[in-house]
């Protein structure tokens, strides 16, 4: 058997891990306090920025602007975000968290902190740094058009 064949099947393992994480998230709907797990990324981004345009959010989350528009409409209906006019450019509309959205962000953050602790259990800081570096590498391959 060649050294190449002995390597872990990274794509398979990554897909399997992603599905396991998604199932974990989906089995805790109460943790998102009225927000879906898909909305958590937008909540976290707005919590860190206060206000952002759809384009800024799409870039940060690496999704199409149309996906952010659809997601934000559902979140607006759920009273998690609101649209506000840009203070400097009347042509722009920005999204910001409502009080309920800020609370949902805090609660979702606590749930994900618990998950991160469980994911890191049994691994050294150096091992976790390697995993984080590898995952960032995978994301960079996509950004550069290599995958």
Protein backbone atom coordinates (compact mmCIF):
# COMPACT_ATOMS: atom_id res chain seq x y z
CA UNK A 1 0.00 0.00 0.00
CA UNK A 2 1.40 3.39 -0.94
CA UNK A 3 1.83 6.24 1.54
CA UNK A 4 -0.85 8.14 -0.38
CA UNK A 5 -3.43 5.40 0.27
CA UNK A 6 -2.61 5.31 3.99
CA UNK A 7 -3.61 8.94 4.50
CA UNK A 8 -6.93 9.69 6.17
CA UNK A 9 -9.87 10.26 3.88
CA UNK A 10 -10.13 13.94 4.79
CA UNK A 11 -13.11 14.84 2.62
CA UNK A 12 -15.11 11.89 3.96
CA UNK A 13 -14.15 12.67 7.56
CA UNK A 14 -14.91 16.36 7.18
CA UNK A 15 -18.34 15.66 5.66
CA UNK A 16 -19.11 13.13 8.38
CA UNK A 17 -18.08 15.59 11.10
CA UNK A 18 -20.14 18.37 9.53
CA UNK A 19 -23.23 16.15 9.47
CA UNK A 20 -22.66 15.18 13.13
CA UNK A 21 -22.35 18.83 14.13
CA UNK A 22 -25.46 19.76 12.16
CA UNK A 23 -27.44 16.99 13.89
CA UNK A 24 -26.14 18.19 17.28
CA UNK A 25 -27.27 21.74 16.51
CA UNK A 26 -30.65 20.64 15.15
CA UNK A 27 -31.42 18.59 18.28
CA UNK A 28 -31.16 21.74 20.42
CA UNK A 29 -33.78 24.07 18.90
CA UNK A 30 -34.53 25.54 22.33
CA UNK A 31 -30.94 26.79 22.48
CA UNK A 32 -31.46 29.21 19.63
CA UNK A 33 -34.24 31.15 21.41
CA UNK A 34 -36.46 31.62 18.38
CA UNK A 35 -33.61 31.67 15.86
CA UNK A 36 -32.64 28.80 13.60
CA UNK A 37 -29.12 27.46 13.59
CA UNK A 38 -28.74 28.97 10.12
CA UNK A 39 -29.53 32.37 11.58
CA UNK A 40 -26.88 32.07 14.30
CA UNK A 41 -24.07 33.13 11.97
CA UNK A 42 -25.90 36.31 11.07
CA UNK A 43 -26.67 36.96 14.74
CA UNK A 44 -23.01 36.55 15.69
CA UNK A 45 -21.83 38.79 12.87
CA UNK A 46 -24.25 41.58 13.75
CA UNK A 47 -23.42 41.22 17.44
CA UNK A 48 -19.78 41.88 16.57
CA UNK A 49 -20.50 44.76 14.16
CA UNK A 50 -23.74 46.39 15.36
CA UNK A 51 -24.87 47.26 11.81
CA UNK A 52 -24.01 45.87 8.38
CA UNK A 53 -25.27 45.85 4.81
CA UNK A 54 -26.50 42.68 3.14
CA UNK A 55 -23.35 42.68 1.00
CA UNK A 56 -21.06 42.93 4.02
CA UNK A 57 -22.89 40.09 5.73
CA UNK A 58 -22.80 37.92 2.58
CA UNK A 59 -19.05 38.44 2.25
CA UNK A 60 -18.41 37.64 5.92
CA UNK A 61 -20.56 34.49 5.85
CA UNK A 62 -19.36 33.43 2.38
CA UNK A 63 -22.88 33.17 0.96
CA UNK A 64 -24.79 34.87 -1.82
CA UNK A 65 -26.42 38.22 -1.05
CA UNK A 66 -29.79 36.72 -2.00
CA UNK A 67 -29.36 34.13 0.77
CA UNK A 68 -28.76 36.92 3.31
CA UNK A 69 -31.78 38.84 2.01
CA UNK A 70 -34.04 35.80 2.42
CA UNK A 71 -32.59 34.93 5.81
CA UNK A 72 -32.86 38.50 7.06
CA UNK A 73 -36.51 38.74 5.99
CA UNK A 74 -37.33 35.71 8.11
CA UNK A 75 -35.29 37.14 10.98
CA UNK A 76 -37.04 40.49 10.65
CA UNK A 77 -40.42 38.75 10.83
CA UNK A 78 -39.19 36.95 13.96
CA UNK A 79 -38.18 40.34 15.43
CA UNK A 80 -34.50 39.38 15.65
CA UNK A 81 -33.18 42.05 13.26
CA UNK A 82 -34.40 45.34 11.93
CA UNK A 83 -33.55 47.45 8.93
CA UNK A 84 -32.16 50.94 9.49
CA UNK A 85 -31.07 53.67 7.12
CA UNK A 86 -27.34 54.25 6.82
CA UNK A 87 -26.34 57.40 8.71
CA UNK A 88 -24.01 58.57 5.92
CA UNK A 89 -25.59 57.26 2.72
CA UNK A 90 -29.35 57.45 2.32
CA UNK A 91 -29.25 54.84 -0.46
CA UNK A 92 -28.01 52.12 1.91
CA UNK A 93 -30.02 50.05 4.33
CA UNK A 94 -28.29 48.25 7.15
CA UNK A 95 -29.35 45.43 9.41
CA UNK A 96 -28.98 45.55 13.16
CA UNK A 97 -29.99 43.29 16.02
CA UNK A 98 -33.10 43.97 18.02
CA UNK A 99 -33.03 43.36 21.77
CA UNK A 100 -34.45 39.87 21.10
CA UNK A 101 -31.77 39.26 18.47
CA UNK A 102 -29.03 40.32 20.87
CA UNK A 103 -30.40 37.92 23.51
CA UNK A 104 -30.64 35.10 20.95
CA UNK A 105 -27.01 35.77 19.98
CA UNK A 106 -25.88 35.50 23.61
CA UNK A 107 -27.83 32.27 24.12
CA UNK A 108 -26.56 30.73 20.87
CA UNK A 109 -23.02 31.74 21.84
CA UNK A 110 -23.34 29.90 25.13
CA UNK A 111 -24.57 26.75 23.37
CA UNK A 112 -21.70 26.87 20.87
CA UNK A 113 -19.19 27.51 23.65
CA UNK A 114 -20.39 24.29 25.28
CA UNK A 115 -20.01 22.48 21.96
CA UNK A 116 -16.50 23.88 21.43
CA UNK A 117 -15.47 22.65 24.88
CA UNK A 118 -16.77 19.17 24.03
CA UNK A 119 -15.03 19.21 20.64
CA UNK A 120 -11.70 20.21 22.20
CA UNK A 121 -11.85 17.63 24.99
CA UNK A 122 -8.83 15.35 24.91
CA UNK A 123 -6.80 17.44 22.46
CA UNK A 124 -3.78 19.57 23.24
CA UNK A 125 -3.62 23.24 22.31
CA UNK A 126 -1.06 22.36 19.64
CA UNK A 127 -3.35 19.73 18.12
CA UNK A 128 -6.27 22.16 18.09
CA UNK A 129 -4.06 24.81 16.47
CA UNK A 130 -3.25 22.31 13.71
CA UNK A 131 -6.92 21.49 13.17
CA UNK A 132 -7.80 25.20 13.04
CA UNK A 133 -4.96 25.86 10.61
CA UNK A 134 -6.11 22.98 8.38
CA UNK A 135 -9.72 24.18 8.36
CA UNK A 136 -8.59 27.72 7.51
CA UNK A 137 -6.48 26.23 4.71
CA UNK A 138 -9.53 24.45 3.29
CA UNK A 139 -11.53 27.69 3.37
CA UNK A 140 -8.65 29.54 1.67
CA UNK A 141 -8.60 26.94 -1.12
CA UNK A 142 -12.23 27.77 -1.82
CA UNK A 143 -11.55 31.52 -1.72
CA UNK A 144 -8.71 31.12 -4.21
CA UNK A 145 -10.86 28.96 -6.52
CA UNK A 146 -8.77 25.83 -6.02
CA UNK A 147 -11.73 23.75 -4.75
